[in-house]
Amino acid sequence: MKKLLAIVLTLSAASVFAQPDMAKYDKSCKVCHAAGVANAPKTGDAEAWAPRLAKGNEALLVSVHKGLNAMPPKAMCFDCSDADYIALIEYMSAPAP
């Protein structure tokens, strides 16, 4: 539980500095992550994101670039940089207000 709280607090603090491009979220992430389509972790569900975040940013980026399960390669955001992906992941994994 302490690890989960530390991850959530770290991401919450980080998200203040790394704001995602919401247009990129809307066009590529929101379709699945807003509703949890195909078991995608929902935006704002910190508990669902915790095991994924525990793998580290490098592993998350590999999953995004190659695709994972129902998520297509590059998550359909072909103009996203790695920094964009990290900011989007931080946004989606932060606890819902």
N, C-alpha and C. Protein backbone atom coordinates (compact mmCIF):
# COMPACT_ATOMS: atom_id res chain seq x y z
N MET A 1 0.83 -1.19 0.00
CA MET A 1 0.00 0.00 0.00
C MET A 1 0.87 1.25 0.00
N LYS A 2 1.99 1.19 0.74
CA LYS A 2 2.88 2.35 0.78
C LYS A 2 3.48 2.61 -0.58
N LYS A 3 3.82 1.52 -1.32
CA LYS A 3 4.37 1.69 -2.67
C LYS A 3 3.36 2.35 -3.59
N LEU A 4 2.11 1.88 -3.51
CA LEU A 4 1.06 2.45 -4.35
C LEU A 4 0.87 3.93 -4.05
N LEU A 5 0.86 4.28 -2.77
CA LEU A 5 0.71 5.68 -2.38
C LEU A 5 1.89 6.50 -2.88
N ALA A 6 3.10 5.97 -2.79
CA ALA A 6 4.28 6.69 -3.27
C ALA A 6 4.21 6.91 -4.77
N ILE A 7 3.77 5.89 -5.51
CA ILE A 7 3.64 6.01 -6.97
C ILE A 7 2.61 7.08 -7.31
N VAL A 8 1.47 7.02 -6.65
CA VAL A 8 0.39 7.99 -6.91
C VAL A 8 0.85 9.40 -6.60
N LEU A 9 1.51 9.59 -5.47
CA LEU A 9 1.98 10.93 -5.10
C LEU A 9 3.04 11.43 -6.07
N THR A 10 3.93 10.55 -6.48
CA THR A 10 4.96 10.93 -7.44
C THR A 10 4.33 11.35 -8.76
N LEU A 11 3.39 10.57 -9.23
CA LEU A 11 2.74 10.91 -10.50
C LEU A 11 1.91 12.16 -10.40
N SER A 12 1.27 12.35 -9.27
CA SER A 12 0.47 13.57 -9.08
C SER A 12 1.36 14.79 -9.13
N ALA A 13 2.51 14.72 -8.48
CA ALA A 13 3.45 15.84 -8.49
C ALA A 13 4.02 16.04 -9.89
N ALA A 14 4.35 14.94 -10.56
CA ALA A 14 4.92 15.04 -11.91
C ALA A 14 3.93 15.61 -12.89
N SER A 15 2.66 15.26 -12.72
CA SER A 15 1.66 15.71 -13.69
C SER A 15 1.46 17.22 -13.66
N VAL A 16 1.84 17.86 -12.57
CA VAL A 16 1.76 19.31 -12.50
C VAL A 16 2.72 19.93 -13.50
N PHE A 17 3.86 19.28 -13.71
CA PHE A 17 4.90 19.81 -14.59
C PHE A 17 4.76 19.33 -16.03
N ALA A 18 4.27 18.12 -16.24
CA ALA A 18 4.19 17.55 -17.58
C ALA A 18 2.75 17.43 -18.01
N GLN A 19 2.18 18.51 -18.47
CA GLN A 19 0.79 18.48 -18.91
C GLN A 19 0.72 17.91 -20.33
N PRO A 20 -0.19 16.98 -20.54
CA PRO A 20 -0.29 16.37 -21.87
C PRO A 20 -0.99 17.29 -22.85
N ASP A 21 -0.78 17.00 -24.11
CA ASP A 21 -1.51 17.66 -25.18
C ASP A 21 -2.89 17.00 -25.22
N MET A 22 -3.90 17.68 -24.75
CA MET A 22 -5.22 17.08 -24.63
C MET A 22 -5.82 16.71 -25.99
N ALA A 23 -5.40 17.39 -27.04
CA ALA A 23 -5.88 17.01 -28.38
C ALA A 23 -5.37 15.62 -28.73
N LYS A 24 -4.13 15.31 -28.33
CA LYS A 24 -3.57 13.98 -28.59
C LYS A 24 -4.28 12.94 -27.73
N TYR A 25 -4.60 13.29 -26.50
CA TYR A 25 -5.37 12.37 -25.65
C TYR A 25 -6.73 12.09 -26.29
N ASP A 26 -7.40 13.15 -26.72
CA ASP A 26 -8.74 13.01 -27.28
C ASP A 26 -8.74 12.17 -28.55
N LYS A 27 -7.71 12.30 -29.38
CA LYS A 27 -7.73 11.59 -30.66
C LYS A 27 -7.18 10.17 -30.57
N SER A 28 -6.39 9.86 -29.54
CA SER A 28 -5.79 8.53 -29.53
C SER A 28 -6.03 7.73 -28.25
N CYS A 29 -6.03 8.33 -27.11
CA CYS A 29 -6.12 7.59 -25.85
C CYS A 29 -7.54 7.46 -25.33
N LYS A 30 -8.27 8.54 -25.44
CA LYS A 30 -9.60 8.64 -24.82
C LYS A 30 -10.56 7.55 -25.28
N VAL A 31 -10.48 7.18 -26.54
CA VAL A 31 -11.40 6.20 -27.11
C VAL A 31 -11.47 4.94 -26.25
N CYS A 32 -10.34 4.45 -25.81
CA CYS A 32 -10.32 3.21 -25.01
C CYS A 32 -10.17 3.47 -23.51
N HIS A 33 -9.31 4.42 -23.14
CA HIS A 33 -8.99 4.61 -21.73
C HIS A 33 -10.07 5.33 -20.93
N ALA A 34 -10.95 6.06 -21.58
CA ALA A 34 -12.04 6.73 -20.84
C ALA A 34 -13.05 5.70 -20.32
N ALA A 35 -13.29 4.67 -21.12
CA ALA A 35 -14.31 3.68 -20.75
C ALA A 35 -13.74 2.32 -20.36
N GLY A 36 -12.43 2.14 -20.53
CA GLY A 36 -11.82 0.85 -20.21
C GLY A 36 -12.08 -0.21 -21.27
N VAL A 37 -12.17 0.21 -22.52
CA VAL A 37 -12.42 -0.71 -23.63
C VAL A 37 -11.31 -1.77 -23.69
N ALA A 38 -11.69 -3.01 -23.89
CA ALA A 38 -10.75 -4.14 -24.03
C ALA A 38 -9.79 -4.23 -22.85
N ASN A 39 -10.29 -3.93 -21.67
CA ASN A 39 -9.51 -3.99 -20.43
C ASN A 39 -8.40 -2.94 -20.34
N ALA A 40 -8.50 -1.88 -21.10
CA ALA A 40 -7.53 -0.78 -20.97
C ALA A 40 -7.75 -0.14 -19.60
N PRO A 41 -6.66 0.20 -18.89
CA PRO A 41 -6.86 0.87 -17.60
C PRO A 41 -7.51 2.23 -17.82
N LYS A 42 -8.54 2.50 -17.04
CA LYS A 42 -9.29 3.74 -17.21
C LYS A 42 -8.49 4.96 -16.75
N THR A 43 -8.69 6.05 -17.44
CA THR A 43 -8.11 7.32 -17.03
C THR A 43 -8.63 7.66 -15.64
N GLY A 44 -7.70 7.97 -14.74
CA GLY A 44 -8.07 8.35 -13.38
C GLY A 44 -8.13 7.19 -12.41
N ASP A 45 -7.93 5.96 -12.88
CA ASP A 45 -7.96 4.78 -12.02
C ASP A 45 -6.53 4.42 -11.62
N ALA A 46 -6.03 5.11 -10.60
CA ALA A 46 -4.64 4.95 -10.18
C ALA A 46 -4.32 3.52 -9.79
N GLU A 47 -5.28 2.84 -9.18
CA GLU A 47 -5.03 1.45 -8.76
C GLU A 47 -4.80 0.53 -9.97
N ALA A 48 -5.57 0.72 -11.03
CA ALA A 48 -5.40 -0.10 -12.24
C ALA A 48 -4.08 0.20 -12.93
N TRP A 49 -3.63 1.43 -12.83
CA TRP A 49 -2.38 1.83 -13.47
C TRP A 49 -1.14 1.42 -12.67
N ALA A 50 -1.27 1.25 -11.37
CA ALA A 50 -0.10 1.00 -10.50
C ALA A 50 0.79 -0.14 -10.97
N PRO A 51 0.26 -1.33 -11.30
CA PRO A 51 1.17 -2.40 -11.73
C PRO A 51 1.87 -2.09 -13.05
N ARG A 52 1.23 -1.33 -13.88
CA ARG A 52 1.86 -0.95 -15.16
C ARG A 52 2.98 0.06 -14.91
N LEU A 53 2.71 1.03 -14.06
CA LEU A 53 3.71 2.05 -13.73
C LEU A 53 4.92 1.44 -13.03
N ALA A 54 4.69 0.38 -12.27
CA ALA A 54 5.78 -0.28 -11.56
C ALA A 54 6.82 -0.86 -12.51
N LYS A 55 6.44 -1.09 -13.75
CA LYS A 55 7.37 -1.62 -14.76
C LYS A 55 8.37 -0.56 -15.23
N GLY A 56 8.04 0.72 -15.02
CA GLY A 56 8.93 1.81 -15.42
C GLY A 56 8.58 2.38 -16.78
N ASN A 57 9.04 3.60 -16.99
CA ASN A 57 8.72 4.32 -18.23
C ASN A 57 9.26 3.63 -19.48
N GLU A 58 10.45 3.04 -19.38
CA GLU A 58 11.04 2.40 -20.56
C GLU A 58 10.15 1.25 -21.03
N ALA A 59 9.68 0.42 -20.11
CA ALA A 59 8.80 -0.70 -20.47
C ALA A 59 7.47 -0.19 -21.00
N LEU A 60 6.94 0.87 -20.41
CA LEU A 60 5.69 1.44 -20.90
C LEU A 60 5.84 1.96 -22.33
N LEU A 61 6.96 2.60 -22.59
CA LEU A 61 7.20 3.12 -23.95
C LEU A 61 7.33 1.99 -24.96
N VAL A 62 7.96 0.89 -24.58
CA VAL A 62 8.05 -0.26 -25.48
C VAL A 62 6.65 -0.76 -25.80
N SER A 63 5.80 -0.87 -24.79
CA SER A 63 4.42 -1.32 -25.00
C SER A 63 3.66 -0.37 -25.93
N VAL A 64 3.86 0.92 -25.75
CA VAL A 64 3.17 1.90 -26.60
C VAL A 64 3.67 1.79 -28.03
N HIS A 65 4.99 1.75 -28.20
CA HIS A 65 5.56 1.70 -29.56
C HIS A 65 5.17 0.43 -30.31
N LYS A 66 5.20 -0.70 -29.63
CA LYS A 66 4.91 -1.97 -30.29
C LYS A 66 3.43 -2.32 -30.29
N GLY A 67 2.69 -1.74 -29.36
CA GLY A 67 1.30 -2.11 -29.16
C GLY A 67 1.25 -3.22 -28.11
N LEU A 68 0.13 -3.36 -27.45
CA LEU A 68 -0.03 -4.38 -26.42
C LEU A 68 -1.48 -4.78 -26.34
N ASN A 69 -1.73 -6.07 -26.42
CA ASN A 69 -3.09 -6.59 -26.40
C ASN A 69 -3.91 -5.88 -27.49
N ALA A 70 -4.98 -5.20 -27.14
CA ALA A 70 -5.82 -4.54 -28.15
C ALA A 70 -5.29 -3.17 -28.56
N MET A 71 -4.28 -2.64 -27.83
CA MET A 71 -3.75 -1.31 -28.18
C MET A 71 -2.83 -1.44 -29.40
N PRO A 72 -3.14 -0.69 -30.45
CA PRO A 72 -2.30 -0.76 -31.66
C PRO A 72 -0.96 -0.06 -31.45
N PRO A 73 0.02 -0.39 -32.30
CA PRO A 73 1.32 0.29 -32.21
C PRO A 73 1.16 1.81 -32.21
N LYS A 74 1.96 2.42 -31.38
CA LYS A 74 1.99 3.87 -31.22
C LYS A 74 0.66 4.42 -30.71
N ALA A 75 -0.23 3.53 -30.29
CA ALA A 75 -1.53 3.92 -29.74
C ALA A 75 -2.29 4.87 -30.67
N MET A 76 -2.03 4.73 -31.95
CA MET A 76 -2.66 5.55 -32.99
C MET A 76 -2.28 7.04 -32.89
N CYS A 77 -1.21 7.33 -32.18
CA CYS A 77 -0.71 8.71 -32.10
C CYS A 77 0.64 8.74 -32.78
N PHE A 78 0.62 8.87 -34.09
CA PHE A 78 1.84 8.78 -34.88
C PHE A 78 2.70 10.03 -34.82
N ASP A 79 2.13 11.12 -34.29
CA ASP A 79 2.93 12.33 -34.14
C ASP A 79 3.33 12.58 -32.68
N CYS A 80 3.13 11.58 -31.83
CA CYS A 80 3.53 11.70 -30.42
C CYS A 80 5.01 11.40 -30.25
N SER A 81 5.66 12.18 -29.44
CA SER A 81 7.04 11.91 -29.04
C SER A 81 7.00 11.05 -27.78
N ASP A 82 8.15 10.54 -27.37
CA ASP A 82 8.20 9.79 -26.11
C ASP A 82 7.77 10.68 -24.94
N ALA A 83 8.14 11.94 -24.98
CA ALA A 83 7.73 12.88 -23.92
C ALA A 83 6.20 13.03 -23.92
N ASP A 84 5.59 13.06 -25.09
CA ASP A 84 4.12 13.12 -25.17
C ASP A 84 3.51 11.87 -24.54
N TYR A 85 4.05 10.71 -24.90
CA TYR A 85 3.51 9.46 -24.35
C TYR A 85 3.62 9.44 -22.83
N ILE A 86 4.76 9.84 -22.30
CA ILE A 86 4.95 9.85 -20.84
C ILE A 86 3.96 10.82 -20.19
N ALA A 87 3.80 12.00 -20.77
CA ALA A 87 2.84 12.98 -20.22
C ALA A 87 1.42 12.43 -20.27
N LEU A 88 1.07 11.74 -21.35
CA LEU A 88 -0.27 11.15 -21.47
C LEU A 88 -0.46 10.03 -20.44
N ILE A 89 0.55 9.21 -20.26
CA ILE A 89 0.47 8.13 -19.26
C ILE A 89 0.32 8.73 -17.87
N GLU A 90 1.10 9.76 -17.57
CA GLU A 90 1.01 10.40 -16.25
C GLU A 90 -0.39 10.98 -16.03
N TYR A 91 -0.93 11.59 -17.06
CA TYR A 91 -2.28 12.15 -16.98
C TYR A 91 -3.31 11.05 -16.71
N MET A 92 -3.24 9.99 -17.52
CA MET A 92 -4.23 8.92 -17.40
C MET A 92 -4.11 8.16 -16.07
N SER A 93 -2.91 8.04 -15.55
CA SER A 93 -2.70 7.24 -14.34
C SER A 93 -2.88 8.02 -13.04
N ALA A 94 -3.00 9.33 -13.15
CA ALA A 94 -3.22 10.14 -11.95
C ALA A 94 -4.63 9.89 -11.41
N PRO A 95 -4.79 9.90 -10.10
CA PRO A 95 -6.13 9.67 -9.53
C PRO A 95 -7.12 10.72 -10.01
N ALA A 96 -8.32 10.27 -10.27
CA ALA A 96 -9.38 11.19 -10.70
C ALA A 96 -9.65 12.18 -9.56
N PRO A 97 -9.86 13.44 -9.91
CA PRO A 97 -10.13 14.44 -8.87
C PRO A 97 -11.45 14.20 -8.16
